[in-house]
Amino acid sequence: MRTGPEEVTLRAVLLDWDGTLLDSYHADTQAYLEMFQELGIGWGAAELARHYSPDGHRVYRAAGLPRNRWEQADRLWGRFYQRQKPALLPGARRVLRELSRRFTLGLVTSGSRARVRRQLRHFGLSELFAVRVCCEDAPRRKPHPAPLEVALRRLRLKPEVCVYVGDSPEDIEMARRAGVRAIAVLGPFPTHDGLRAVRPDALLSSIDQLPRLLKNY
């Protein structure tokens, strides 16, 4: 990877979780739909897809849910999500193990700490990540750069020696605002048009393509 005339060696690959490594679209959607029904919100899958964001509070705002009910919505969503059993995306495990031999890996996600840690343990991936930043670990959520900046501070790395890989426009904006090169992956969530519109530094059709891309960095 280059920043200006001098070559910079890539040292760390930071990744999103849901939709980038975890095939969680069905689980996520089902939890939202059950939560909407419980709260009397007349939204279906089409409305959710149209207003989807990795920041659930943006979804609540779009659905007209009063702020004083967001905590209740979070609890309901978490309860309904626990019934779901999302799997890793095809190739995700192999990609992570391959990349871990060359780079420091980190996870920067909007998911809750309890859920993400539980899923990492379930898939046997916890030891691969040198740092994990979840929604409770930063003062602001994506697309604000704060979550990625927390990861950089914990790793004691400069932005120019890292890349961030995500599946939503918010991921790309966060990376750019943090000074980190942004790689987009077309995942299961309804974000493909938005990703193309924000013009990431690279756009992959699947996570399988990431190791080959990074050979050129």
Foldseek 3Di string as FASTA:
>chain_A
DDDPPDDDAAAEEEEEDDQAWWPCPVLQQQLLVVLCVVVVQPDHPVLCLVQPDLQVVSVCVSSVNDPVCVVVSVVSSVVSSVVDDIDTDPPNVVLLVVVLVGHAYAYQYQADPVVVVVVCVVVVNVVSHPYYFYNVRFPDDFLALGSVVVVCVVVVHQQDNYEYEEAALRSQNNSVVSVHQYEHEPGDGSHVVVVVVSDGPYYYPHSNCVVVVVVVD
